[in-house]
Amino acid sequence: MSFRFQDQVLVVTGAAQGIGLRVAERAAAEGAKLVIVDRATHIQNIAGALTESGCEVLAVEADLETFEGAATAMDAATERFGRIDKLINNVGGTIWAKPYEHYQPAQIEQEVRRSLFPTLWCCRAVLPAMLANGKGAIVNVSSVATRGVNRVPYAAAKGGVNAMTVALAFEYAKHNIRVNATAPGGTEAPARITPRNEQQQSEQEKIWYQQIVDQTVDTSFMGRYGSLDEQASAILYLASDEASYITGTILPVAGGDCG
């Protein structure tokens, strides 16, 4: 086991489940001091389990779709640990899956709030701490679904994540702050504890979602979904000092599907 994050302070958002949880677990095993952020109260249970494993961890419940929530999380991190070395922006995800003409205006806005603004706000909120520290690394979790079916609002949000990643990297390289993103493809994960959409899918919506699954597999060279560990490995590599000469990069982690 390597210890790439020994005594480094990592903030991981959306850490209560899925990719974010696996990133937090693996960073803890590599010596990180963790601040795990989620609006789900289950984040406290995650913190308890990580503490038992020997990790020094702070759990913060916050709504990252608001700047106030993002600022609260970063302030809590610096108050507890004195600095922030790395930020993993993992909040986001498709809420609905359907052809664009079937989206209601409110749903379009909600998709963008969910999958763009948490990253936008957290990057803004973390910069003062990283500038004061004289260095830092940010990894945004985007998606190859910027090219896909039945997710136009989500694609627009993740396209925004890609654009801001490159713009931030360009603007802050002179401050020794690296900014990169991974673009996951379809990823196998346990059933969500907190569903993104609590409404039961109609039969038509199930068909539309299956079209996403079929397109994801068909456009991947490897013809399959990825694993949580395959996603976490790429994220943690870009966050680590092993990637010290990499910035402004969007790394597809999708079995050859480039989005």
C-alpha atoms as a PDB file:
ATOM      1  CA  MET A   1       0.000   0.000   0.000  1.00  0.00           C
ATOM      2  CA  SER A   2       1.360   3.418  -0.983  1.00  0.00           C
ATOM      3  CA  PHE A   3       0.849   6.480   1.174  1.00  0.00           C
ATOM      4  CA  ARG A   4       0.526   9.191  -1.457  1.00  0.00           C
ATOM      5  CA  PHE A   5      -1.655  11.322   0.826  1.00  0.00           C
ATOM      6  CA  GLN A   6       0.165  10.910   4.124  1.00  0.00           C
ATOM      7  CA  ASP A   7      -0.777  13.868   6.361  1.00  0.00           C
ATOM      8  CA  GLN A   8      -2.457  15.688   3.453  1.00  0.00           C
ATOM      9  CA  VAL A   9      -5.920  17.205   3.920  1.00  0.00           C
ATOM     10  CA  LEU A  10      -8.415  16.015   1.322  1.00  0.00           C
ATOM     11  CA  VAL A  11     -11.954  17.312   0.968  1.00  0.00           C
ATOM     12  CA  VAL A  12     -14.236  14.827  -0.813  1.00  0.00           C
ATOM     13  CA  THR A  13     -17.749  15.929  -1.714  1.00  0.00           C
ATOM     14  CA  GLY A  14     -20.632  13.581  -2.360  1.00  0.00           C
ATOM     15  CA  ALA A  15     -18.849  11.083  -0.115  1.00  0.00           C
ATOM     16  CA  ALA A  16     -21.863   9.304   1.364  1.00  0.00           C
ATOM     17  CA  GLN A  17     -22.079   6.736  -1.433  1.00  0.00           C
ATOM     18  CA  GLY A  18     -20.835   5.672  -4.852  1.00  0.00           C
ATOM     19  CA  ILE A  19     -17.636   7.057  -6.347  1.00  0.00           C
ATOM     20  CA  GLY A  20     -17.186   9.640  -3.607  1.00  0.00           C
ATOM     21  CA  LEU A  21     -17.353   7.027  -0.873  1.00  0.00           C
ATOM     22  CA  ARG A  22     -14.808   4.804  -2.611  1.00  0.00           C
ATOM     23  CA  VAL A  23     -12.463   7.769  -3.113  1.00  0.00           C
ATOM     24  CA  ALA A  24     -12.730   8.611   0.594  1.00  0.00           C
ATOM     25  CA  GLU A  25     -12.091   5.015   1.665  1.00  0.00           C
ATOM     26  CA  ARG A  26      -9.029   4.677  -0.516  1.00  0.00           C
ATOM     27  CA  ALA A  27      -7.616   8.101   0.394  1.00  0.00           C
ATOM     28  CA  ALA A  28      -8.013   7.182   4.063  1.00  0.00           C
ATOM     29  CA  ALA A  29      -6.050   3.975   3.461  1.00  0.00           C
ATOM     30  CA  GLU A  30      -3.276   6.089   1.923  1.00  0.00           C
ATOM     31  CA  GLY A  31      -2.867   8.293   4.960  1.00  0.00           C
ATOM     32  CA  ALA A  32      -5.128  11.260   4.187  1.00  0.00           C
ATOM     33  CA  LYS A  33      -6.830  13.453   6.710  1.00  0.00           C
ATOM     34  CA  LEU A  34     -10.352  13.663   5.365  1.00  0.00           C
ATOM     35  CA  VAL A  35     -13.203  16.125   5.244  1.00  0.00           C
ATOM     36  CA  ILE A  36     -16.182  14.315   3.758  1.00  0.00           C
ATOM     37  CA  VAL A  37     -19.144  16.400   2.654  1.00  0.00           C
ATOM     38  CA  ASP A  38     -22.681  15.434   1.723  1.00  0.00           C
ATOM     39  CA  ARG A  39     -26.191  16.677   2.391  1.00  0.00           C
ATOM     40  CA  ALA A  40     -27.267  13.163   3.388  1.00  0.00           C
ATOM     41  CA  THR A  41     -27.149  12.558   7.153  1.00  0.00           C
ATOM     42  CA  HIS A  42     -25.649   9.146   6.338  1.00  0.00           C
ATOM     43  CA  ILE A  43     -22.319  10.957   5.971  1.00  0.00           C
ATOM     44  CA  GLN A  44     -21.976  10.744   9.757  1.00  0.00           C
ATOM     45  CA  ASN A  45     -22.060   6.936   9.576  1.00  0.00           C
ATOM     46  CA  ILE A  46     -19.350   7.008   6.926  1.00  0.00           C
ATOM     47  CA  ALA A  47     -17.216   9.209   9.168  1.00  0.00           C
ATOM     48  CA  GLY A  48     -17.642   6.746  12.021  1.00  0.00           C
ATOM     49  CA  ALA A  49     -16.484   3.826   9.896  1.00  0.00           C
ATOM     50  CA  LEU A  50     -13.470   5.731   8.576  1.00  0.00           C
ATOM     51  CA  THR A  51     -12.513   6.837  12.088  1.00  0.00           C
ATOM     52  CA  GLU A  52     -12.570   3.220  13.230  1.00  0.00           C
ATOM     53  CA  SER A  53     -10.128   2.412  10.419  1.00  0.00           C
ATOM     54  CA  GLY A  54      -7.664   4.906  11.912  1.00  0.00           C
ATOM     55  CA  CYS A  55      -8.358   7.914   9.690  1.00  0.00           C
ATOM     56  CA  GLU A  56      -8.692  11.414  11.096  1.00  0.00           C
ATOM     57  CA  VAL A  57     -11.966  12.545   9.529  1.00  0.00           C
ATOM     58  CA  LEU A  58     -14.481  15.364   9.744  1.00  0.00           C
ATOM     59  CA  ALA A  59     -17.994  14.942   8.334  1.00  0.00           C
ATOM     60  CA  VAL A  60     -19.835  18.042   7.151  1.00  0.00           C
ATOM     61  CA  GLU A  61     -23.506  18.061   6.206  1.00  0.00           C
ATOM     62  CA  ALA A  62     -24.020  20.802   3.620  1.00  0.00           C
ATOM     63  CA  ASP A  63     -26.092  21.596   0.544  1.00  0.00           C
ATOM     64  CA  LEU A  64     -23.442  22.247  -2.085  1.00  0.00           C
ATOM     65  CA  GLU A  65     -25.966  23.539  -4.594  1.00  0.00           C
ATOM     66  CA  THR A  66     -25.561  26.823  -2.698  1.00  0.00           C
ATOM     67  CA  PHE A  67     -22.419  28.906  -2.195  1.00  0.00           C
ATOM     68  CA  GLU A  68     -23.244  29.125   1.508  1.00  0.00           C
ATOM     69  CA  GLY A  69     -23.093  25.348   1.775  1.00  0.00           C
ATOM     70  CA  ALA A  70     -19.787  25.165  -0.082  1.00  0.00           C
ATOM     71  CA  ALA A  71     -18.267  27.935   2.039  1.00  0.00           C
ATOM     72  CA  THR A  72     -19.443  26.222   5.222  1.00  0.00           C
ATOM     73  CA  ALA A  73     -17.697  23.000   4.184  1.00  0.00           C
ATOM     74  CA  MET A  74     -14.388  24.666   3.280  1.00  0.00           C
ATOM     75  CA  ASP A  75     -14.431  26.831   6.401  1.00  0.00           C
ATOM     76  CA  ALA A  76     -15.009  23.746   8.553  1.00  0.00           C
ATOM     77  CA  ALA A  77     -12.089  22.006   6.860  1.00  0.00           C
ATOM     78  CA  THR A  78      -9.640  24.858   7.451  1.00  0.00           C
ATOM     79  CA  GLU A  79     -10.864  25.357  11.019  1.00  0.00           C
ATOM     80  CA  ARG A  80     -10.251  21.686  11.827  1.00  0.00           C
ATOM     81  CA  PHE A  81      -7.020  21.043   9.900  1.00  0.00           C
ATOM     82  CA  GLY A  82      -5.586  24.489   9.153  1.00  0.00           C
ATOM     83  CA  ARG A  83      -5.395  24.001   5.382  1.00  0.00           C
ATOM     84  CA  ILE A  84      -6.823  22.156   2.379  1.00  0.00           C
ATOM     85  CA  ASP A  85      -4.379  20.317   0.129  1.00  0.00           C
ATOM     86  CA  LYS A  86      -6.744  18.552  -2.277  1.00  0.00           C
ATOM     87  CA  LEU A  87     -10.392  18.920  -3.268  1.00  0.00           C
ATOM     88  CA  ILE A  88     -12.381  16.180  -5.013  1.00  0.00           C
ATOM     89  CA  ASN A  89     -15.639  17.577  -6.436  1.00  0.00           C
ATOM     90  CA  ASN A  90     -17.879  14.549  -6.840  1.00  0.00           C
ATOM     91  CA  VAL A  91     -21.436  15.888  -6.425  1.00  0.00           C
ATOM     92  CA  GLY A  92     -23.687  15.459  -9.446  1.00  0.00           C
ATOM     93  CA  GLY A  93     -25.669  12.918 -11.386  1.00  0.00           C
ATOM     94  CA  THR A  94     -28.571  12.510 -13.763  1.00  0.00           C
ATOM     95  CA  ILE A  95     -31.946  13.000 -12.107  1.00  0.00           C
ATOM     96  CA  TRP A  96     -34.160  12.248 -15.107  1.00  0.00           C
ATOM     97  CA  ALA A  97     -33.477  10.401 -18.337  1.00  0.00           C
ATOM     98  CA  LYS A  98     -35.639  11.262 -21.318  1.00  0.00           C
ATOM     99  CA  PRO A  99     -35.588  12.976 -24.701  1.00  0.00           C
ATOM    100  CA  TYR A 100     -35.104  16.712 -24.325  1.00  0.00           C
ATOM    101  CA  GLU A 101     -38.602  17.677 -25.482  1.00  0.00           C
ATOM    102  CA  HIS A 102     -40.029  15.850 -22.470  1.00  0.00           C
ATOM    103  CA  TYR A 103     -38.082  17.849 -19.864  1.00  0.00           C
ATOM    104  CA  GLN A 104     -39.997  20.511 -17.998  1.00  0.00           C
ATOM    105  CA  PRO A 105     -38.231  23.878 -17.514  1.00  0.00           C
ATOM    106  CA  ALA A 106     -37.989  23.328 -13.764  1.00  0.00           C
ATOM    107  CA  GLN A 107     -36.374  19.937 -14.343  1.00  0.00           C
ATOM    108  CA  ILE A 108     -33.777  21.451 -16.657  1.00  0.00           C
ATOM    109  CA  GLU A 109     -32.833  23.992 -14.010  1.00  0.00           C
ATOM    110  CA  GLN A 110     -32.671  21.303 -11.342  1.00  0.00           C
ATOM    111  CA  GLU A 111     -30.330  19.147 -13.442  1.00  0.00           C
ATOM    112  CA  VAL A 112     -27.956  22.084 -13.896  1.00  0.00           C
ATOM    113  CA  ARG A 113     -28.111  22.989 -10.207  1.00  0.00           C
ATOM    114  CA  ARG A 114     -27.277  19.405  -9.273  1.00  0.00           C
ATOM    115  CA  SER A 115     -24.421  18.742 -11.677  1.00  0.00           C
ATOM    116  CA  LEU A 116     -22.744  22.116 -12.273  1.00  0.00           C
ATOM    117  CA  PHE A 117     -23.216  24.403  -9.302  1.00  0.00           C
ATOM    118  CA  PRO A 118     -21.725  22.211  -6.530  1.00  0.00           C
ATOM    119  CA  THR A 119     -18.455  22.098  -8.489  1.00  0.00           C
ATOM    120  CA  LEU A 120     -18.652  25.783  -9.388  1.00  0.00           C
ATOM    121  CA  TRP A 121     -19.299  26.826  -5.785  1.00  0.00           C
ATOM    122  CA  CYS A 122     -16.765  24.487  -4.174  1.00  0.00           C
ATOM    123  CA  CYS A 123     -13.970  25.626  -6.492  1.00  0.00           C
ATOM    124  CA  ARG A 124     -14.735  29.231  -5.569  1.00  0.00           C
ATOM    125  CA  ALA A 125     -14.956  28.429  -1.863  1.00  0.00           C
ATOM    126  CA  VAL A 126     -11.688  26.465  -1.702  1.00  0.00           C
ATOM    127  CA  LEU A 127      -9.478  28.945  -3.564  1.00  0.00           C
ATOM    128  CA  PRO A 128      -8.735  31.268  -0.606  1.00  0.00           C
ATOM    129  CA  ALA A 129      -7.421  28.328   1.424  1.00  0.00           C
ATOM    130  CA  MET A 130      -5.292  26.983  -1.419  1.00  0.00           C
ATOM    131  CA  LEU A 131      -3.938  30.430  -2.270  1.00  0.00           C
ATOM    132  CA  ALA A 132      -2.981  30.929   1.373  1.00  0.00           C
ATOM    133  CA  ASN A 133      -1.306  27.505   1.353  1.00  0.00           C
ATOM    134  CA  GLY A 134       0.628  28.350  -1.818  1.00  0.00           C
ATOM    135  CA  LYS A 135      -0.435  25.169  -3.602  1.00  0.00           C
ATOM    136  CA  GLY A 136      -3.278  22.734  -4.146  1.00  0.00           C
ATOM    137  CA  ALA A 137      -4.961  20.280  -6.463  1.00  0.00           C
ATOM    138  CA  ILE A 138      -8.591  20.084  -7.525  1.00  0.00           C
ATOM    139  CA  VAL A 139     -10.147  17.107  -9.300  1.00  0.00           C
ATOM    140  CA  ASN A 140     -13.631  17.612 -10.706  1.00  0.00           C
ATOM    141  CA  VAL A 141     -15.741  14.578 -11.552  1.00  0.00           C
ATOM    142  CA  SER A 142     -17.370  15.257 -14.905  1.00  0.00           C
ATOM    143  CA  SER A 143     -18.862  12.703 -17.326  1.00  0.00           C
ATOM    144  CA  VAL A 144     -18.524  11.326 -20.838  1.00  0.00           C
ATOM    145  CA  ALA A 145     -22.287  11.886 -21.084  1.00  0.00           C
ATOM    146  CA  THR A 146     -21.571  15.260 -22.676  1.00  0.00           C
ATOM    147  CA  ARG A 147     -22.213  13.136 -25.753  1.00  0.00           C
ATOM    148  CA  GLY A 148     -25.073  10.751 -25.143  1.00  0.00           C
ATOM    149  CA  VAL A 149     -28.801  10.180 -25.357  1.00  0.00           C
ATOM    150  CA  ASN A 150     -31.671  11.319 -23.129  1.00  0.00           C
ATOM    151  CA  ARG A 151     -29.579  13.597 -20.852  1.00  0.00           C
ATOM    152  CA  VAL A 152     -29.227  16.973 -22.563  1.00  0.00           C
ATOM    153  CA  PRO A 153     -29.473  19.109 -19.356  1.00  0.00           C
ATOM    154  CA  TYR A 154     -26.985  16.848 -17.575  1.00  0.00           C
ATOM    155  CA  ALA A 155     -24.691  17.003 -20.605  1.00  0.00           C
ATOM    156  CA  ALA A 156     -24.866  20.805 -20.539  1.00  0.00           C
ATOM    157  CA  ALA A 157     -23.963  20.840 -16.833  1.00  0.00           C
ATOM    158  CA  LYS A 158     -20.999  18.504 -17.252  1.00  0.00           C
ATOM    159  CA  GLY A 159     -19.851  20.434 -20.313  1.00  0.00           C
ATOM    160  CA  GLY A 160     -19.738  23.419 -17.979  1.00  0.00           C
ATOM    161  CA  VAL A 161     -17.627  21.417 -15.523  1.00  0.00           C
ATOM    162  CA  ASN A 162     -15.174  20.616 -18.328  1.00  0.00           C
ATOM    163  CA  ALA A 163     -14.938  24.251 -19.402  1.00  0.00           C
ATOM    164  CA  MET A 164     -14.413  25.610 -15.894  1.00  0.00           C
ATOM    165  CA  THR A 165     -11.780  22.933 -15.215  1.00  0.00           C
ATOM    166  CA  VAL A 166      -9.606  24.128 -18.086  1.00  0.00           C
ATOM    167  CA  ALA A 167     -10.239  27.824 -17.395  1.00  0.00           C
ATOM    168  CA  LEU A 168      -9.347  27.449 -13.704  1.00  0.00           C
ATOM    169  CA  ALA A 169      -6.218  25.457 -14.550  1.00  0.00           C
ATOM    170  CA  PHE A 170      -5.079  28.216 -16.897  1.00  0.00           C
ATOM    171  CA  GLU A 171      -5.834  30.972 -14.394  1.00  0.00           C
ATOM    172  CA  TYR A 172      -4.311  29.400 -11.277  1.00  0.00           C
ATOM    173  CA  ALA A 173      -1.275  27.471 -12.561  1.00  0.00           C
ATOM    174  CA  LYS A 174       0.899  30.438 -11.594  1.00  0.00           C
ATOM    175  CA  HIS A 175      -0.281  29.912  -8.007  1.00  0.00           C
ATOM    176  CA  ASN A 176       0.807  26.240  -8.049  1.00  0.00           C
ATOM    177  CA  ILE A 177      -2.802  25.033  -8.058  1.00  0.00           C
ATOM    178  CA  ARG A 178      -3.559  22.197 -10.458  1.00  0.00           C
ATOM    179  CA  VAL A 179      -7.104  21.617 -11.754  1.00  0.00           C
ATOM    180  CA  ASN A 180      -8.105  18.478 -13.631  1.00  0.00           C
ATOM    181  CA  ALA A 181     -11.207  16.377 -14.174  1.00  0.00           C
ATOM    182  CA  THR A 182     -12.096  12.785 -14.781  1.00  0.00           C
ATOM    183  CA  ALA A 183     -14.970  11.964 -17.108  1.00  0.00           C
ATOM    184  CA  PRO A 184     -16.470   8.674 -15.936  1.00  0.00           C
ATOM    185  CA  GLY A 185     -18.497   6.476 -18.182  1.00  0.00           C
ATOM    186  CA  GLY A 186     -21.122   4.058 -16.940  1.00  0.00           C
ATOM    187  CA  THR A 187     -20.124   2.768 -13.511  1.00  0.00           C
ATOM    188  CA  GLU A 188     -21.438  -0.204 -11.558  1.00  0.00           C
ATOM    189  CA  ALA A 189     -22.392   0.847  -8.036  1.00  0.00           C
ATOM    190  CA  PRO A 190     -24.637  -0.386  -5.224  1.00  0.00           C
ATOM    191  CA  ALA A 191     -28.180   0.941  -5.049  1.00  0.00           C
ATOM    192  CA  ARG A 192     -28.171   4.513  -3.813  1.00  0.00           C
ATOM    193  CA  ILE A 193     -29.110   5.102  -0.180  1.00  0.00           C
ATOM    194  CA  THR A 194     -30.479   8.502  -1.171  1.00  0.00           C
ATOM    195  CA  PRO A 195     -32.041   8.291  -4.652  1.00  0.00           C
ATOM    196  CA  ARG A 196     -31.590  11.224  -7.010  1.00  0.00           C
ATOM    197  CA  ASN A 197     -35.211  10.961  -8.070  1.00  0.00           C
ATOM    198  CA  GLU A 198     -37.614   9.620  -5.473  1.00  0.00           C
ATOM    199  CA  GLN A 199     -40.499   9.280  -7.937  1.00  0.00           C
ATOM    200  CA  GLN A 200     -41.110   5.800  -9.281  1.00  0.00           C
ATOM    201  CA  GLN A 201     -40.164   5.424 -12.940  1.00  0.00           C
ATOM    202  CA  SER A 202     -42.969   4.956 -15.435  1.00  0.00           C
ATOM    203  CA  GLU A 203     -42.699   2.185 -18.014  1.00  0.00           C
ATOM    204  CA  GLN A 204     -41.755   4.778 -20.645  1.00  0.00           C
ATOM    205  CA  GLU A 205     -39.058   6.227 -18.390  1.00  0.00           C
ATOM    206  CA  LYS A 206     -37.617   2.739 -17.881  1.00  0.00           C
ATOM    207  CA  ILE A 207     -37.344   2.383 -21.662  1.00  0.00           C
ATOM    208  CA  TRP A 208     -35.602   5.755 -21.972  1.00  0.00           C
ATOM    209  CA  TYR A 209     -33.151   4.853 -19.206  1.00  0.00           C
ATOM    210  CA  GLN A 210     -32.391   1.509 -20.833  1.00  0.00           C
ATOM    211  CA  GLN A 211     -31.483   3.422 -23.989  1.00  0.00           C
ATOM    212  CA  ILE A 212     -28.776   5.182 -21.948  1.00  0.00           C
ATOM    213  CA  VAL A 213     -27.427   1.863 -20.687  1.00  0.00           C
ATOM    214  CA  ASP A 214     -27.400   0.362 -24.186  1.00  0.00           C
ATOM    215  CA  GLN A 215     -25.710   3.402 -25.713  1.00  0.00           C
ATOM    216  CA  THR A 216     -23.085   3.459 -22.940  1.00  0.00           C
ATOM    217  CA  VAL A 217     -22.100  -0.153 -23.511  1.00  0.00           C
ATOM    218  CA  ASP A 218     -22.260   0.108 -27.305  1.00  0.00           C
ATOM    219  CA  THR A 219     -19.971   3.174 -27.514  1.00  0.00           C
ATOM    220  CA  SER A 220     -17.396   1.858 -25.052  1.00  0.00           C
ATOM    221  CA  PHE A 221     -14.507   0.040 -26.720  1.00  0.00           C
ATOM    222  CA  MET A 222     -14.463  -2.376 -23.791  1.00  0.00           C
ATOM    223  CA  GLY A 223     -18.202  -3.000 -23.989  1.00  0.00           C
ATOM    224  CA  ARG A 224     -18.914  -2.809 -20.273  1.00  0.00           C
ATOM    225  CA  TYR A 225     -19.495  -0.562 -17.292  1.00  0.00           C
ATOM    226  CA  GLY A 226     -16.565   0.373 -15.085  1.00  0.00           C
ATOM    227  CA  SER A 227     -16.115  -0.264 -11.371  1.00  0.00           C
ATOM    228  CA  LEU A 228     -15.963   2.152  -8.470  1.00  0.00           C
ATOM    229  CA  ASP A 229     -12.282   1.295  -7.986  1.00  0.00           C
ATOM    230  CA  GLU A 230     -11.506   2.050 -11.633  1.00  0.00           C
ATOM    231  CA  GLN A 231     -13.030   5.504 -11.187  1.00  0.00           C
ATOM    232  CA  ALA A 232     -11.391   6.146  -7.818  1.00  0.00           C
ATOM    233  CA  SER A 233      -7.959   5.139  -9.136  1.00  0.00           C
ATOM    234  CA  ALA A 234      -8.034   7.812 -11.835  1.00  0.00           C
ATOM    235  CA  ILE A 235      -9.349  10.490  -9.476  1.00  0.00           C
ATOM    236  CA  LEU A 236      -6.731   9.808  -6.823  1.00  0.00           C
ATOM    237  CA  TYR A 237      -3.931   9.699  -9.371  1.00  0.00           C
ATOM    238  CA  LEU A 238      -4.817  13.200 -10.610  1.00  0.00           C
ATOM    239  CA  ALA A 239      -5.098  14.409  -7.010  1.00  0.00           C
ATOM    240  CA  SER A 240      -1.736  12.944  -6.029  1.00  0.00           C
ATOM    241  CA  ASP A 241       1.692  14.475  -6.408  1.00  0.00           C
ATOM    242  CA  GLU A 242       2.417  11.774  -9.009  1.00  0.00           C
ATOM    243  CA  ALA A 243       0.423  14.002 -11.390  1.00  0.00           C
ATOM    244  CA  SER A 244       2.404  17.133 -10.502  1.00  0.00           C
ATOM    245  CA  TYR A 245       2.909  18.094 -14.178  1.00  0.00           C
ATOM    246  CA  ILE A 246      -0.702  17.525 -15.234  1.00  0.00           C
ATOM    247  CA  THR A 247      -3.261  20.323 -15.219  1.00  0.00           C
ATOM    248  CA  GLY A 248      -6.144  21.427 -17.398  1.00  0.00           C
ATOM    249  CA  THR A 249      -6.825  17.839 -18.431  1.00  0.00           C
ATOM    250  CA  ILE A 250     -10.166  16.048 -18.815  1.00  0.00           C
ATOM    251  CA  LEU A 251      -9.410  12.333 -18.473  1.00  0.00           C
ATOM    252  CA  PRO A 252     -12.096   9.976 -19.837  1.00  0.00           C
ATOM    253  CA  VAL A 253     -12.452   6.893 -17.632  1.00  0.00           C
ATOM    254  CA  ALA A 254     -14.946   5.075 -19.768  1.00  0.00           C
ATOM    255  CA  GLY A 255     -13.400   2.075 -21.459  1.00  0.00           C
ATOM    256  CA  GLY A 256     -12.641   4.012 -24.627  1.00  0.00           C
ATOM    257  CA  ASP A 257     -15.852   6.050 -24.826  1.00  0.00           C
ATOM    258  CA  CYS A 258     -14.578   9.628 -25.078  1.00  0.00           C
ATOM    259  CA  GLY A 259     -17.910  11.414 -24.705  1.00  0.00           C
END
